[in-house]
Structures are given as structure tokens and as C-alpha cells.
Amino acid sequence: MSNIRDAAYMIAAILFIVGVMRLRTPATARSGNLLAAVGMLIAVVFTVIGASVGNILLLVIVFVVGAVIGTYSSRAVKMTAMPQMVAAFNGMGGGAAAMIALSEALQALGHGSYPGLSQAVPGLFDMLVGSISFSGSIIAFLKLQEWMPSRAMSFKGQNAVNAVILIVLVLLAIYIPFQPSILLDWILIAGSVILGVMFVVPVGGADMPVIIALLNAFTGIAAAAAGFVLQNDVLIVAGALVGSSGTILTLIMSRAMNRSIFNVLFSAFGSKVTATGTSERGEIHPTNAEEVAMLCAYAQRVVIVPGYGLAVARAQQECKDLMDLLSSRGVDVRFAIHPVAGRMPGHMNVLLAEANVPYDRLYDMDDINPEFQRTDVVLVIGANDVVNPDARENPGSPIYGMPILNVDQAKTVIVNKRSMAAGFAGIDNPLFFKQNTKMFFGDAKGALQSLVSAIKEEVA
């Protein structure tokens, strides 16, 4: 039986690896996700078969409840809430990994012993990192859901306090194997939960894509450590894949903002929100659907820049309708995707894929930036910080040096926003006051619907 289980684990590991590889591009992401899910199903089934389960009915109930919750969530959660769901599920993974290590310690102490160093070290590491990931992800969820302020919240000396807590927890983890105690294990977990909260609270909303990727890496590392505790090879492989891919994604996200991981985690970016208003920047140039329709209908190239406002309005299908209408007139329509647009890595890609926007219409920042100077119209829908020219021109700006989409270099820029409010980073955007920028106010869904109707009338 063990040989069959090992073979099943090997198949599951291969499916994990192939699945992650296929997640690299939108065209194969769906099949990659399915392959990884099948691999996880195989791993879970053969783990249960090979284990001595005392209450099989209870296990079946847990499986059914989990399947129902997962199925409901995948169908009912809106695309705008997807980052929150990712944060919540990630936190559950970290918490589960920590509980596995605690359970093994409890079982060993119940038999009058404590796991040997080969299991105790990864187990204690699992409790530490898994608990940080759990509480940190919950704070990320609360910020994204706006149940707590999304801005960075910090106090003087907070980094020093966090460092002291971390050092104490590491020393405690080193001490526990020599003086085993369930109380000390619980103290380690409680302290790690506190550290996770302190770790994420100072992170501003604009940095949330980075922190989600980093917490995802933490959960993967914790899962791999749990694999060593349980001596389960497939869990080690799965955790290592999540940990390494999350780490790589974290580096990509921070590079996209031209900031180090240290700066993202400890600078409390966004804790001070600058004032907004036309009096400091100049006058805005409002426009309407009819004028925008004329500009787009007779353009040679239109670039659409999606942002979180598009997701909030659930206007991805209207965006697709606009693309189809303009394309039927021979207009070259492209989508410009910034790596940190939205609230999680790849948010805009997922949003547009839901509306069946062709993958070859999506252009990464580095590929589309040279094209803006040859673009007639750029339509910015709900994006803000990723098109802020202060990142390129104003050394005094908090986002100075962050690579952006150079939309201001196009002939005409149309910015669709509900108001003149600042973006998630809480800073002004001088793009709105430039001579070649026109402000198209309104909810993205309604604005795009009126624009499509106006274009049809214009060309009728």
C-alpha cells in the first residue's frame, strides 16, 4: 500500500509543478489551476487512505463542509472581493499549518515525550511562521474589505518593538525543545499572532499586492515545514512550490514599484495622506460621452488602462463591448496592465479574462510604455497611482521612482473616475490637470455604457 501511496504522491507533485508552470500565462492558467486541484485531491485521498482514522464519519463531514464552502465561495464572491478571499484563504492555510505542528507536539507530550529535533525544529518554525501568516492575512483581509483603515498605521519605535518580539519568539523556539511545555507552545503561537498583526498594520493599502504575495510565501513555507513534521513528501513539495513562487512574485511586485522589500514592510508608506484639490494643481477639463465617443471612434489606436474602479463597478463586460465596437471600425485597441494595478497580483488580468478579452490584447507595462507616444487616445478606467506622473517627475513624491504607465505621453488622455478623490495610496495625481487630459466623471459601468451608445450614434 505504501508503494501505491508513494506513486500517487509522485503524480500529485508532478501535477502541482505542471499546474504552477501553466499559471504563468492567462491562456493556460485555467487548466493549470485545474491540474493543481486534481493533484491536491489525489494527495488528500491517499493521505486519508494511508492514515489510521478514528472517526471516518467526522472526516467525511469535514470534507463535505469544506467542499461546500469552497464551491460557494468560488461562485458567489464578486471579482472585487477576490483579493479579500485570497487573503482569507491564505490566512487559513497558515493557521492550519501552525495547528498541525501544535497537534503533533500535543500528541507527543501526551505520550510522555516531545518530538526529536528533526521534527521539533520544523514544527516550532511552522508555529512561528504559520501564525504570523494567519494573523497578518486577517489584517490584510480587514484592510482590503475596508473594515479597518487601509492606510498605514504605525507608532514611533514600532519597528524596534517588532524586532524585539521576533527575537524573543526565536529564543523561545530555541528553548522549547530543551524544556518541552504545551504552555510555551501556546505562548509561541500567541506571540506570533501578535507579531503578524504588528507586521501588517503598518503596511499601507497601496502596498497590499506586495504584502499578499509575501504572506502567500509565508504560508507556503509553513506548509513545507508541516510536511517535515508529518514526514509527508507531497506536502513538502506543495509548500515549497507556494513558498518559492510567492517569494518570486513578491520580488516582482516590489521591483514594479522600484522599492525594496524592506521599504515596503517598514516605511509605513501612506500613513500621511496629502490633501487633494484643484486649487493646488490647476484646472481640470471635464468631458462627456459624446466627446469621448468622437475621439475614440476616429482614432487609429486606443489604449485602455483598467484599474480598481473598473473592478468595483463590475464593468469588465462593458469594457469588452467597447473593445469589440472600436475593433469593428478598425481601431487598434490594446489594454495596458501595470503589475500592481488592483488589490492583488494579476487582478486586472483575471478581471479581463472573466469578460473573455483576448489574451493578445493585454500588454505588460514594459511592452506598452514605448507605444504611448504613438497612441491617439488612452482611456484610464478607475486607475490612479499606476498612472501618476509624479512617480517620474517629482522627487518629493512618496512614489518617486516607481515605474508607471506613461499615459500622459499620449495625444489625449481620458480619465474615468467617480470623483477627484486620491487613489489607494492617498496622494494627488497631477495627470488630472494636464492639458491633454479630460476627466470623464461617473461610475465605470454607466460611463462605458453611455460611451458605447454614443459611439454607435456617432457612426450610425
Protein backbone atom coordinates (compact mmCIF):
# COMPACT_ATOMS: atom_id res chain seq x y z
CA MET A 1 0.00 0.00 0.00
CA SER A 2 2.86 2.37 0.78
CA ASN A 3 4.22 1.93 -2.75
CA ILE A 4 0.85 2.87 -4.23
CA ARG A 5 0.65 5.90 -1.96
CA ASP A 6 4.17 6.99 -2.91
CA ALA A 7 3.26 6.68 -6.59
CA ALA A 8 0.12 8.74 -6.01
CA TYR A 9 2.18 11.38 -4.21
CA MET A 10 4.59 11.48 -7.15
CA ILE A 11 1.69 12.03 -9.57
CA ALA A 12 0.28 14.75 -7.31
CA ALA A 13 3.65 16.50 -7.12
CA ILE A 14 4.01 16.41 -10.93
CA LEU A 15 0.51 17.88 -11.29
CA PHE A 16 1.43 20.65 -8.84
CA ILE A 17 4.55 21.54 -10.81
CA VAL A 18 2.84 21.43 -14.21
CA GLY A 19 -0.09 23.39 -12.79
CA VAL A 20 2.16 26.17 -11.49
CA MET A 21 4.02 26.28 -14.81
CA ARG A 22 0.72 26.77 -16.67
CA LEU A 23 -0.25 29.63 -14.36
CA ARG A 24 2.44 31.76 -15.98
CA THR A 25 0.14 32.96 -18.78
CA PRO A 26 -3.60 33.74 -18.85
CA ALA A 27 -4.09 31.41 -21.82
CA THR A 28 -3.21 28.31 -19.79
CA ALA A 29 -3.98 29.50 -16.26
CA ARG A 30 -7.39 27.85 -16.01
CA SER A 31 -6.10 24.41 -16.99
CA GLY A 32 -3.12 24.88 -14.67
CA ASN A 33 -5.43 25.62 -11.77
CA LEU A 34 -7.48 22.52 -12.58
CA LEU A 35 -4.40 20.29 -12.76
CA ALA A 36 -3.17 21.55 -9.40
CA ALA A 37 -6.62 20.98 -7.89
CA VAL A 38 -6.67 17.39 -9.18
CA GLY A 39 -3.21 16.88 -7.70
CA MET A 40 -4.41 18.13 -4.33
CA LEU A 41 -7.43 15.82 -4.47
CA ILE A 42 -5.16 12.83 -5.14
CA ALA A 43 -2.84 13.85 -2.30
CA VAL A 44 -5.69 14.24 0.20
CA VAL A 45 -7.42 10.98 -0.77
CA PHE A 46 -4.29 8.84 -0.50
CA THR A 47 -3.22 10.55 2.72
CA VAL A 48 -6.54 9.63 4.30
CA ILE A 49 -6.39 6.08 2.93
CA GLY A 50 -2.91 5.58 4.34
CA ALA A 51 -3.70 7.05 7.75
CA SER A 52 -5.38 5.42 10.72
CA VAL A 53 -8.52 7.48 11.11
CA GLY A 54 -10.52 7.04 14.29
CA ASN A 55 -13.79 8.68 13.23
CA ILE A 56 -14.29 8.39 9.48
CA LEU A 57 -17.79 9.95 9.67
CA LEU A 58 -16.39 13.13 11.21
CA LEU A 59 -13.76 13.28 8.49
CA VAL A 60 -16.39 12.92 5.75
CA ILE A 61 -18.46 15.70 7.34
CA VAL A 62 -15.41 17.98 7.37
CA PHE A 63 -14.70 17.20 3.71
CA VAL A 64 -18.28 17.92 2.67
CA VAL A 65 -18.47 21.17 4.65
CA GLY A 66 -15.15 22.34 3.21
CA ALA A 67 -16.19 21.44 -0.34
CA VAL A 68 -19.49 23.31 0.05
CA ILE A 69 -17.76 26.42 1.42
CA GLY A 70 -15.14 26.34 -1.33
CA THR A 71 -17.68 25.82 -4.12
CA TYR A 72 -19.96 28.55 -2.81
CA SER A 73 -17.08 31.00 -2.39
CA SER A 74 -15.76 30.42 -5.91
CA ARG A 75 -19.18 31.17 -7.39
CA ALA A 76 -20.60 33.79 -5.06
CA VAL A 77 -17.62 36.03 -4.26
CA LYS A 78 -17.51 39.05 -6.54
CA MET A 79 -14.39 39.82 -8.51
CA THR A 80 -13.93 43.00 -6.48
CA ALA A 81 -13.73 40.84 -3.34
CA MET A 82 -11.27 38.34 -4.80
CA PRO A 83 -8.22 39.93 -3.07
CA GLN A 84 -10.01 39.65 0.27
CA MET A 85 -10.82 36.00 -0.38
CA VAL A 86 -7.22 35.27 -1.36
CA ALA A 87 -6.03 36.90 1.87
CA ALA A 88 -8.58 34.99 3.96
CA PHE A 89 -7.82 31.60 2.39
CA ASN A 90 -4.10 32.26 2.67
CA GLY A 91 -4.52 33.01 6.36
CA MET A 92 -6.47 29.79 6.86
CA GLY A 93 -3.60 27.86 5.25
CA GLY A 94 -1.03 29.41 7.57
CA GLY A 95 -3.21 28.82 10.61
CA ALA A 96 -3.83 25.19 9.63
CA ALA A 97 -0.11 24.58 9.22
CA ALA A 98 0.57 26.02 12.69
CA MET A 99 -2.17 23.85 14.20
CA ILE A 100 -0.67 20.72 12.61
CA ALA A 101 2.63 21.37 14.37
CA LEU A 102 0.88 22.10 17.66
CA SER A 103 -1.20 18.93 17.33
CA GLU A 104 1.90 16.81 16.80
CA ALA A 105 3.52 18.38 19.87
CA LEU A 106 0.39 17.74 21.94
CA GLN A 107 0.25 14.12 20.82
CA ALA A 108 3.92 13.53 21.63
CA LEU A 109 3.64 15.14 25.08
CA GLY A 110 0.54 13.05 25.71
CA HIS A 111 2.78 10.02 25.36
CA GLY A 112 5.31 11.49 27.77
CA SER A 113 7.82 12.69 25.18
CA TYR A 114 8.49 15.52 22.76
CA PRO A 115 9.32 15.27 19.04
CA GLY A 116 13.00 14.86 18.28
CA LEU A 117 14.95 17.78 16.86
CA SER A 118 14.33 16.58 13.30
CA GLN A 119 10.61 17.21 13.85
CA ALA A 120 10.69 19.74 16.69
CA VAL A 121 12.71 22.34 14.74
CA PRO A 122 10.42 22.43 11.67
CA GLY A 123 7.40 22.16 13.99
CA LEU A 124 8.34 25.21 16.03
CA PHE A 125 9.28 27.08 12.85
CA ASP A 126 5.86 26.12 11.49
CA MET A 127 4.10 27.51 14.57
CA LEU A 128 6.02 30.77 14.27
CA VAL A 129 5.66 31.42 10.53
CA GLY A 130 2.19 29.89 10.15
CA SER A 131 0.78 32.02 12.97
CA ILE A 132 2.34 35.18 11.52
CA SER A 133 0.81 34.35 8.15
CA PHE A 134 -2.57 33.68 9.76
CA SER A 135 -2.93 36.93 11.69
CA GLY A 136 -1.17 39.01 9.02
CA SER A 137 -3.54 37.72 6.36
CA ILE A 138 -6.55 38.50 8.54
CA ILE A 139 -5.34 42.11 8.90
CA ALA A 140 -4.82 42.25 5.13
CA PHE A 141 -8.39 40.98 4.69
CA LEU A 142 -9.76 43.65 7.04
CA LYS A 143 -7.84 46.40 5.22
CA LEU A 144 -8.97 45.22 1.80
CA GLN A 145 -12.57 44.87 2.99
CA GLU A 146 -12.22 48.38 4.47
CA TRP A 147 -13.40 47.14 7.86
CA MET A 148 -10.33 48.90 9.22
CA PRO A 149 -8.40 51.87 7.76
CA SER A 150 -6.46 50.83 4.66
CA ARG A 151 -3.74 53.40 5.26
CA ALA A 152 -0.51 52.55 7.06
CA MET A 153 -0.87 52.79 10.84
CA SER A 154 2.25 52.99 12.92
CA PHE A 155 3.69 54.49 16.07
CA LYS A 156 7.13 55.72 16.96
CA GLY A 157 9.52 52.85 17.53
CA GLN A 158 7.19 50.24 16.07
CA ASN A 159 9.93 48.59 14.02
CA ALA A 160 12.07 48.26 17.15
CA VAL A 161 9.15 46.73 19.05
CA ASN A 162 8.56 44.23 16.24
CA ALA A 163 12.25 43.33 16.22
CA VAL A 164 12.23 42.70 19.98
CA ILE A 165 9.11 40.50 19.70
CA LEU A 166 10.71 38.49 16.89
CA ILE A 167 13.96 37.97 18.82
CA VAL A 168 12.03 36.84 21.93
CA LEU A 169 9.97 34.40 19.87
CA VAL A 170 13.06 32.93 18.19
CA LEU A 171 14.79 32.49 21.55
CA LEU A 172 11.63 30.86 22.93
CA ALA A 173 11.51 28.46 19.97
CA ILE A 174 15.15 27.52 20.64
CA TYR A 175 14.43 26.96 24.34
CA ILE A 176 11.28 24.81 23.99
CA PRO A 177 12.93 21.54 22.79
CA PHE A 178 15.09 21.51 25.92
CA GLN A 179 12.17 22.27 28.28
CA PRO A 180 9.06 20.95 26.48
CA SER A 181 5.81 22.54 27.55
CA ILE A 182 2.45 22.93 25.86
CA LEU A 183 2.10 26.28 27.64
CA LEU A 184 5.26 27.50 25.96
CA ASP A 185 3.97 26.25 22.61
CA TRP A 186 0.78 28.27 23.08
CA ILE A 187 2.82 31.32 24.12
CA LEU A 188 4.89 30.95 20.95
CA ILE A 189 1.74 30.82 18.81
CA ALA A 190 0.08 33.73 20.65
CA GLY A 191 3.21 35.86 20.34
CA SER A 192 3.48 35.03 16.63
CA VAL A 193 -0.15 36.04 16.09
CA ILE A 194 0.60 39.39 17.74
CA LEU A 195 3.70 39.81 15.59
CA GLY A 196 1.67 39.09 12.45
CA VAL A 197 -0.75 41.87 13.36
CA MET A 198 2.09 44.28 14.13
CA PHE A 199 3.78 43.21 10.91
CA VAL A 200 0.91 44.10 8.54
CA VAL A 201 -0.80 47.04 10.27
CA PRO A 202 2.00 49.47 9.23
CA VAL A 203 1.66 48.43 5.57
CA GLY A 204 -0.31 50.96 3.53
CA GLY A 205 -3.08 49.99 1.14
CA ALA A 206 -1.01 50.80 -1.94
CA ASP A 207 1.49 48.13 -0.90
CA MET A 208 -1.15 45.46 -0.40
CA PRO A 209 -0.31 43.46 -3.59
CA VAL A 210 3.22 43.01 -2.25
CA ILE A 211 2.15 42.01 1.25
CA ILE A 212 -0.37 39.48 -0.13
CA ALA A 213 2.37 37.86 -2.21
CA LEU A 214 4.74 37.81 0.78
CA LEU A 215 2.14 36.30 3.13
CA ASN A 216 1.43 33.71 0.47
CA ALA A 217 5.12 32.81 0.52
CA PHE A 218 4.98 32.57 4.34
CA THR A 219 2.06 30.15 4.14
CA GLY A 220 3.91 28.00 1.61
CA ILE A 221 7.00 27.86 3.82
CA ALA A 222 4.85 26.95 6.82
CA ALA A 223 3.16 24.19 4.81
CA ALA A 224 6.55 22.79 3.78
CA ALA A 225 7.63 22.80 7.43
CA ALA A 226 4.41 20.94 8.29
CA GLY A 227 5.41 18.37 5.67
CA PHE A 228 8.66 17.74 7.54
CA VAL A 229 6.73 17.42 10.80
CA LEU A 230 4.36 14.84 9.29
CA GLN A 231 7.08 13.32 7.08
CA ASN A 232 4.78 13.86 4.12
CA ASP A 233 6.67 14.37 0.86
CA VAL A 234 3.80 15.79 -1.16
CA LEU A 235 3.13 18.46 1.46
CA ILE A 236 6.80 19.43 1.36
CA VAL A 237 6.67 19.76 -2.44
CA ALA A 238 3.42 21.73 -2.42
CA GLY A 239 4.65 24.07 0.30
CA ALA A 240 7.99 24.61 -1.42
CA LEU A 241 6.21 25.50 -4.68
CA VAL A 242 3.95 28.00 -2.96
CA GLY A 243 6.80 29.44 -0.92
CA SER A 244 9.17 29.89 -3.87
CA SER A 245 6.54 31.23 -6.26
CA GLY A 246 5.27 33.62 -3.60
CA THR A 247 8.80 34.86 -2.97
CA ILE A 248 9.44 35.41 -6.67
CA LEU A 249 6.11 37.23 -7.03
CA THR A 250 6.96 39.42 -4.03
CA LEU A 251 10.22 40.46 -5.66
CA ILE A 252 8.45 41.16 -8.96
CA MET A 253 5.85 43.32 -7.20
CA SER A 254 8.41 45.32 -5.23
CA ARG A 255 10.54 45.80 -8.34
CA ALA A 256 7.46 47.09 -10.16
CA MET A 257 7.25 49.83 -7.52
CA ASN A 258 11.02 50.42 -7.52
CA ARG A 259 11.15 49.78 -3.80
CA SER A 260 12.90 47.21 -1.66
CA ILE A 261 11.03 44.66 0.40
CA PHE A 262 12.45 46.32 3.50
CA ASN A 263 10.99 49.67 2.41
CA VAL A 264 7.57 48.14 1.71
CA LEU A 265 7.44 46.43 5.10
CA PHE A 266 8.90 49.09 7.34
CA SER A 267 8.39 52.52 5.75
CA ALA A 268 4.68 52.83 6.71
CA PHE A 269 4.04 54.27 3.27
CA GLY A 270 0.69 56.06 3.09
CA SER A 271 0.40 56.87 6.80
CA LYS A 272 0.32 60.56 5.91
CA VAL A 273 -2.29 61.42 3.30
CA THR A 274 -1.75 64.58 1.30
CA ALA A 275 -4.57 66.93 0.56
CA THR A 276 -6.34 66.88 -2.77
CA GLY A 277 -7.98 69.63 -4.75
CA THR A 278 -7.81 71.59 -7.96
CA SER A 279 -6.54 74.73 -6.27
CA GLU A 280 -3.06 73.27 -5.84
CA ARG A 281 -2.67 71.74 -9.30
CA GLY A 282 -4.72 73.88 -11.69
CA GLU A 283 -7.94 73.39 -13.59
CA ILE A 284 -9.49 70.17 -14.75
CA HIS A 285 -11.10 69.66 -18.17
CA PRO A 286 -14.39 67.75 -17.82
CA THR A 287 -15.78 65.89 -20.80
CA ASN A 288 -18.83 63.82 -21.71
CA ALA A 289 -19.68 60.59 -23.51
CA GLU A 290 -20.31 62.29 -26.85
CA GLU A 291 -16.89 63.97 -26.96
CA VAL A 292 -15.10 60.81 -25.84
CA ALA A 293 -17.04 58.81 -28.44
CA MET A 294 -15.87 61.11 -31.22
CA LEU A 295 -12.24 60.89 -30.07
CA CYS A 296 -12.29 57.08 -29.81
CA ALA A 297 -14.35 56.34 -32.93
CA TYR A 298 -11.95 58.19 -35.23
CA ALA A 299 -8.70 57.19 -33.52
CA GLN A 300 -6.17 54.80 -35.00
CA ARG A 301 -5.04 53.42 -31.65
CA VAL A 302 -6.82 53.36 -28.28
CA VAL A 303 -5.17 52.01 -25.14
CA ILE A 304 -7.38 51.10 -22.19
CA VAL A 305 -5.85 51.16 -18.70
CA PRO A 306 -8.01 49.19 -16.23
CA GLY A 307 -7.87 49.88 -12.52
CA TYR A 308 -9.66 49.02 -9.31
CA GLY A 309 -12.53 51.37 -10.23
CA LEU A 310 -13.33 49.04 -13.12
CA ALA A 311 -13.47 46.11 -10.72
CA VAL A 312 -15.66 47.97 -8.21
CA ALA A 313 -18.18 48.83 -10.92
CA ARG A 314 -18.01 45.29 -12.37
CA ALA A 315 -17.69 46.88 -15.78
CA GLN A 316 -15.36 44.39 -17.44
CA GLN A 317 -18.04 43.25 -19.88
CA GLU A 318 -18.79 46.85 -20.90
CA CYS A 319 -15.06 47.27 -21.43
CA LYS A 320 -15.10 44.23 -23.71
CA ASP A 321 -18.10 45.65 -25.60
CA LEU A 322 -16.21 48.90 -26.16
CA MET A 323 -13.20 46.98 -27.47
CA ASP A 324 -15.35 44.97 -29.88
CA LEU A 325 -17.14 48.07 -31.16
CA LEU A 326 -13.94 50.01 -31.78
CA SER A 327 -12.18 46.99 -33.28
CA SER A 328 -15.04 46.56 -35.76
CA ARG A 329 -14.19 50.06 -37.02
CA GLY A 330 -10.54 49.14 -37.49
CA VAL A 331 -9.28 50.84 -34.33
CA ASP A 332 -6.24 49.18 -32.75
CA VAL A 333 -7.41 48.57 -29.16
CA ARG A 334 -4.96 47.42 -26.50
CA PHE A 335 -5.02 47.01 -22.72
CA ALA A 336 -2.13 48.28 -20.61
CA ILE A 337 -1.59 46.25 -17.43
CA HIS A 338 0.54 47.54 -14.56
CA PRO A 339 1.99 44.80 -12.31
CA VAL A 340 0.45 46.28 -9.14
CA ALA A 341 -2.87 47.51 -10.56
CA GLY A 342 -5.77 46.47 -8.36
CA ARG A 343 -5.53 44.88 -4.94
CA MET A 344 -3.63 41.69 -5.68
CA PRO A 345 -1.08 40.44 -8.22
CA GLY A 346 -2.75 39.76 -11.58
CA HIS A 347 -6.05 41.33 -10.51
CA MET A 348 -6.65 43.11 -13.83
CA ASN A 349 -5.70 40.04 -15.88
CA VAL A 350 -8.26 37.94 -14.04
CA LEU A 351 -10.89 40.64 -14.37
CA LEU A 352 -10.49 40.95 -18.15
CA ALA A 353 -10.24 37.19 -18.63
CA GLU A 354 -13.65 36.90 -16.97
CA ALA A 355 -15.05 39.05 -19.81
CA ASN A 356 -13.20 36.96 -22.44
CA VAL A 357 -10.91 39.75 -23.54
CA PRO A 358 -8.33 38.08 -25.85
CA TYR A 359 -5.02 37.48 -24.13
CA ASP A 360 -3.06 39.00 -27.01
CA ARG A 361 -4.75 42.36 -26.32
CA LEU A 362 -3.12 42.54 -22.86
CA TYR A 363 0.25 44.30 -22.76
CA ASP A 364 2.61 44.47 -19.82
CA MET A 365 3.98 47.82 -18.70
CA ASP A 366 7.40 47.40 -20.32
CA ASP A 367 5.85 46.43 -23.65
CA ILE A 368 3.20 49.16 -23.84
CA ASN A 369 5.13 52.16 -22.49
CA PRO A 370 7.06 52.80 -25.74
CA GLU A 371 3.72 52.82 -27.60
CA PHE A 372 2.02 55.67 -25.73
CA GLN A 373 3.72 58.38 -27.79
CA ARG A 374 2.09 56.83 -30.88
CA THR A 375 -1.32 56.45 -29.22
CA ASP A 376 -4.24 58.71 -30.07
CA VAL A 377 -6.41 58.07 -27.03
CA VAL A 378 -5.72 56.49 -23.66
CA LEU A 379 -8.81 55.60 -21.64
CA VAL A 380 -7.94 55.25 -17.94
CA ILE A 381 -10.76 53.45 -16.14
CA GLY A 382 -10.55 53.63 -12.38
CA ALA A 383 -6.73 53.59 -12.22
CA ASN A 384 -4.87 56.24 -10.27
CA ASP A 385 -1.50 55.63 -8.66
CA VAL A 386 -0.12 53.48 -11.51
CA VAL A 387 -0.53 56.40 -13.97
CA ASN A 388 0.68 59.18 -11.67
CA PRO A 389 3.46 61.15 -13.46
CA ASP A 390 4.79 62.37 -10.10
CA ALA A 391 6.48 58.98 -9.87
CA ARG A 392 8.59 60.07 -12.83
CA GLU A 393 8.84 63.84 -12.40
CA ASN A 394 8.55 64.83 -8.73
CA PRO A 395 11.48 63.83 -6.47
CA GLY A 396 9.43 64.91 -3.45
CA SER A 397 6.63 62.45 -4.13
CA PRO A 398 6.36 59.32 -1.94
CA ILE A 399 6.10 57.23 -5.11
CA TYR A 400 9.02 58.88 -6.93
CA GLY A 401 10.98 56.26 -8.88
CA MET A 402 8.05 53.83 -9.15
CA PRO A 403 7.69 52.64 -12.75
CA ILE A 404 4.32 53.76 -14.11
CA LEU A 405 2.29 53.55 -17.30
CA ASN A 406 3.33 56.68 -19.20
CA VAL A 407 -0.20 57.51 -20.32
CA ASP A 408 0.45 61.27 -20.20
CA GLN A 409 2.63 60.90 -23.32
CA ALA A 410 -0.40 60.03 -25.48
CA LYS A 411 -2.15 62.66 -27.61
CA THR A 412 -5.29 62.58 -25.46
CA VAL A 413 -5.92 61.01 -22.06
CA ILE A 414 -9.46 60.31 -20.88
CA VAL A 415 -9.67 59.56 -17.14
CA ASN A 416 -12.84 57.94 -15.87
CA LYS A 417 -13.31 58.43 -12.12
CA ARG A 418 -16.26 58.85 -9.83
CA SER A 419 -14.68 61.90 -8.19
CA MET A 420 -11.40 63.76 -7.75
CA ALA A 421 -10.55 61.69 -4.67
CA ALA A 422 -6.99 60.38 -4.28
CA GLY A 423 -6.15 56.79 -5.10
CA PHE A 424 -5.43 53.95 -2.69
CA ALA A 425 -2.01 55.43 -1.94
CA GLY A 426 -3.71 58.63 -0.75
CA ILE A 427 -1.69 61.05 -2.89
CA ASP A 428 -2.58 63.64 -5.55
CA ASN A 429 -2.28 62.88 -9.26
CA PRO A 430 -1.18 65.80 -11.49
CA LEU A 431 -2.23 63.81 -14.56
CA PHE A 432 -5.79 65.02 -13.97
CA PHE A 433 -4.76 68.63 -14.54
CA LYS A 434 -2.61 68.26 -17.66
CA GLN A 435 -3.68 69.99 -20.88
CA ASN A 436 -4.11 66.74 -22.79
CA THR A 437 -6.24 65.13 -20.06
CA LYS A 438 -10.03 65.16 -19.97
CA MET A 439 -11.97 63.97 -16.91
CA PHE A 440 -14.90 61.68 -17.70
CA PHE A 441 -16.74 61.51 -14.37
CA GLY A 442 -19.09 58.71 -13.38
CA ASP A 443 -19.33 55.09 -12.36
CA ALA A 444 -17.28 52.98 -14.77
CA LYS A 445 -20.17 50.75 -15.76
CA GLY A 446 -22.54 53.59 -16.55
CA ALA A 447 -19.82 55.67 -18.20
CA LEU A 448 -18.80 52.84 -20.52
CA GLN A 449 -22.40 52.04 -21.39
CA SER A 450 -23.05 55.66 -22.33
CA LEU A 451 -19.80 55.73 -24.30
CA VAL A 452 -20.71 52.63 -26.30
CA SER A 453 -24.14 54.10 -27.06
CA ALA A 454 -22.60 57.41 -28.11
CA ILE A 455 -20.14 55.70 -30.45
CA LYS A 456 -22.97 53.77 -32.11
CA GLU A 457 -24.82 57.04 -32.65
CA GLU A 458 -21.68 58.77 -33.90
CA VAL A 459 -21.03 56.21 -36.61
CA ALA A 460 -24.66 55.46 -37.48
